[in-house]
C-alpha atoms as a PDB file:
ATOM      1  CA  MET A   1      88.129  98.979 132.414  1.00  0.00           C
ATOM      2  CA  PRO A   2      85.293  99.336 132.256  1.00  0.00           C
ATOM      3  CA  GLU A   3      83.705  97.867 128.567  1.00  0.00           C
ATOM      4  CA  LEU A   4      82.161 100.211 125.756  1.00  0.00           C
ATOM      5  CA  GLY A   5      81.028  98.122 123.308  1.00  0.00           C
ATOM      6  CA  ARG A   6      81.088  94.508 122.260  1.00  0.00           C
ATOM      7  CA  PHE A   7      80.761  93.061 119.006  1.00  0.00           C
ATOM      8  CA  ARG A   8      81.646  90.046 116.508  1.00  0.00           C
ATOM      9  CA  GLY A   9      84.780  89.420 119.204  1.00  0.00           C
ATOM     10  CA  ILE A  10      85.559  92.721 119.230  1.00  0.00           C
ATOM     11  CA  ILE A  11      86.249  94.243 122.583  1.00  0.00           C
ATOM     12  CA  ILE A  12      86.038  98.168 122.884  1.00  0.00           C
ATOM     13  CA  GLN A  13      87.095  99.362 126.507  1.00  0.00           C
ATOM     14  CA  MET A  14      87.726 102.609 128.024  1.00  0.00           C
ATOM     15  CA  PHE A  15      90.203 103.964 130.954  1.00  0.00           C
ATOM     16  CA  PHE A  16      88.845 106.505 133.362  1.00  0.00           C
ATOM     17  CA  ARG A  17      91.131 109.537 132.985  1.00  0.00           C
ATOM     18  CA  ASP A  18      93.015 108.549 130.219  1.00  0.00           C
ATOM     19  CA  THR A  19      94.984 111.061 128.737  1.00  0.00           C
ATOM     20  CA  GLY A  20      98.023 110.514 129.831  1.00  0.00           C
ATOM     21  CA  GLN A  21     100.312 108.464 126.893  1.00  0.00           C
ATOM     22  CA  HIS A  22      97.287 109.671 124.188  1.00  0.00           C
ATOM     23  CA  ASN A  23      95.596 113.114 124.554  1.00  0.00           C
ATOM     24  CA  LYS A  24      93.426 112.340 121.762  1.00  0.00           C
ATOM     25  CA  PRO A  25      90.183 110.911 122.787  1.00  0.00           C
ATOM     26  CA  HIS A  26      90.572 107.196 121.939  1.00  0.00           C
ATOM     27  CA  VAL A  27      89.082 103.263 123.119  1.00  0.00           C
ATOM     28  CA  HIS A  28      91.317  99.972 123.761  1.00  0.00           C
ATOM     29  CA  VAL A  29      90.352  97.349 121.676  1.00  0.00           C
ATOM     30  CA  LYS A  30      90.940  93.470 121.707  1.00  0.00           C
ATOM     31  CA  TYR A  31      90.583  91.142 119.545  1.00  0.00           C
ATOM     32  CA  GLY A  32      91.892  87.741 120.302  1.00  0.00           C
ATOM     33  CA  GLU A  33      95.529  88.040 120.528  1.00  0.00           C
ATOM     34  CA  TYR A  34      95.390  91.960 119.109  1.00  0.00           C
ATOM     35  CA  LYS A  35      95.687  94.971 121.053  1.00  0.00           C
ATOM     36  CA  ALA A  36      94.906  98.421 120.125  1.00  0.00           C
ATOM     37  CA  SER A  37      94.899 101.825 121.206  1.00  0.00           C
ATOM     38  CA  VAL A  38      91.949 103.600 118.305  1.00  0.00           C
ATOM     39  CA  ALA A  39      91.223 107.267 118.619  1.00  0.00           C
ATOM     40  CA  LEU A  40      87.115 107.803 118.318  1.00  0.00           C
ATOM     41  CA  ASP A  41      88.196 109.543 114.934  1.00  0.00           C
ATOM     42  CA  GLY A  42      89.577 105.804 113.846  1.00  0.00           C
ATOM     43  CA  GLU A  43      93.219 106.678 113.717  1.00  0.00           C
ATOM     44  CA  VAL A  44      95.189 103.332 115.317  1.00  0.00           C
ATOM     45  CA  LEU A  45      97.304 105.534 117.913  1.00  0.00           C
ATOM     46  CA  SER A  46      98.995 102.446 118.886  1.00  0.00           C
ATOM     47  CA  GLY A  47      98.748  98.582 118.408  1.00  0.00           C
ATOM     48  CA  PHE A  48      97.738  96.728 115.868  1.00  0.00           C
ATOM     49  CA  LEU A  49      94.456  95.286 114.649  1.00  0.00           C
ATOM     50  CA  PRO A  50      93.859  93.112 111.223  1.00  0.00           C
ATOM     51  CA  ALA A  51      92.541  95.031 108.431  1.00  0.00           C
ATOM     52  CA  LYS A  52      89.053  93.504 108.721  1.00  0.00           C
ATOM     53  CA  GLN A  53      88.503  94.294 112.290  1.00  0.00           C
ATOM     54  CA  TRP A  54      89.899  97.576 112.149  1.00  0.00           C
ATOM     55  CA  ARG A  55      87.628  98.276 109.398  1.00  0.00           C
ATOM     56  CA  MET A  56      84.551  97.172 111.498  1.00  0.00           C
ATOM     57  CA  VAL A  57      85.716  99.415 114.589  1.00  0.00           C
ATOM     58  CA  SER A  58      86.324 101.927 112.585  1.00  0.00           C
ATOM     59  CA  GLY A  59      82.624 102.083 111.314  1.00  0.00           C
ATOM     60  CA  TRP A  60      81.487 101.457 114.959  1.00  0.00           C
ATOM     61  CA  LEU A  61      82.754 104.565 116.145  1.00  0.00           C
ATOM     62  CA  ALA A  62      81.289 106.329 113.630  1.00  0.00           C
ATOM     63  CA  ALA A  63      78.451 104.917 113.756  1.00  0.00           C
ATOM     64  CA  HIS A  64      78.530 105.316 117.620  1.00  0.00           C
ATOM     65  CA  GLU A  65      80.469 108.764 117.831  1.00  0.00           C
ATOM     66  CA  GLU A  66      77.912 111.003 119.485  1.00  0.00           C
ATOM     67  CA  GLU A  67      77.731 108.362 122.213  1.00  0.00           C
ATOM     68  CA  ALA A  68      81.651 107.587 121.945  1.00  0.00           C
ATOM     69  CA  TYR A  69      82.577 110.878 122.890  1.00  0.00           C
ATOM     70  CA  ALA A  70      79.706 111.231 125.312  1.00  0.00           C
ATOM     71  CA  ALA A  71      81.556 108.014 127.123  1.00  0.00           C
ATOM     72  CA  TRP A  72      85.245 109.643 126.505  1.00  0.00           C
ATOM     73  CA  ASN A  73      83.999 113.008 128.645  1.00  0.00           C
ATOM     74  CA  ASN A  74      82.532 111.417 131.150  1.00  0.00           C
ATOM     75  CA  ALA A  75      85.766 108.881 131.772  1.00  0.00           C
ATOM     76  CA  VAL A  76      87.856 111.825 131.991  1.00  0.00           C
ATOM     77  CA  GLN A  77      86.416 112.754 134.338  1.00  0.00           C
ATOM     78  CA  GLY A  78      86.140 109.691 136.319  1.00  0.00           C
ATOM     79  CA  ILE A  79      82.081 109.145 135.769  1.00  0.00           C
ATOM     80  CA  ASP A  80      80.189 106.254 134.330  1.00  0.00           C
ATOM     81  CA  PHE A  81      79.249 105.606 131.301  1.00  0.00           C
ATOM     82  CA  GLU A  82      76.530 103.714 129.107  1.00  0.00           C
ATOM     83  CA  HIS A  83      77.571 100.557 127.382  1.00  0.00           C
ATOM     84  CA  ILE A  84      77.104 101.473 123.758  1.00  0.00           C
ATOM     85  CA  ASP A  85      74.872  98.435 122.371  1.00  0.00           C
ATOM     86  CA  GLY A  86      74.368  97.313 119.040  1.00  0.00           C
ATOM     87  CA  GLU A  87      77.372  96.915 116.044  1.00  0.00           C
END
């Protein structure tokens, strides 16, 4: 699965054509043993993240909203997207 971003031990990934289980634009987040699907608006759709990491992911998504939605629009069409640098 292509990586969208990485910071402070958090890996944010996005599947290509990933609209089956969650139609809402979202990312897949990994932090240690924790995994969650998080909507681009910050809502946890499935899984679990510790509160501190959820706040960091939510803030990251807010700070990179345009880039994340552009990546989502490409990913649902099967088009490569850019890695987002920075926290």
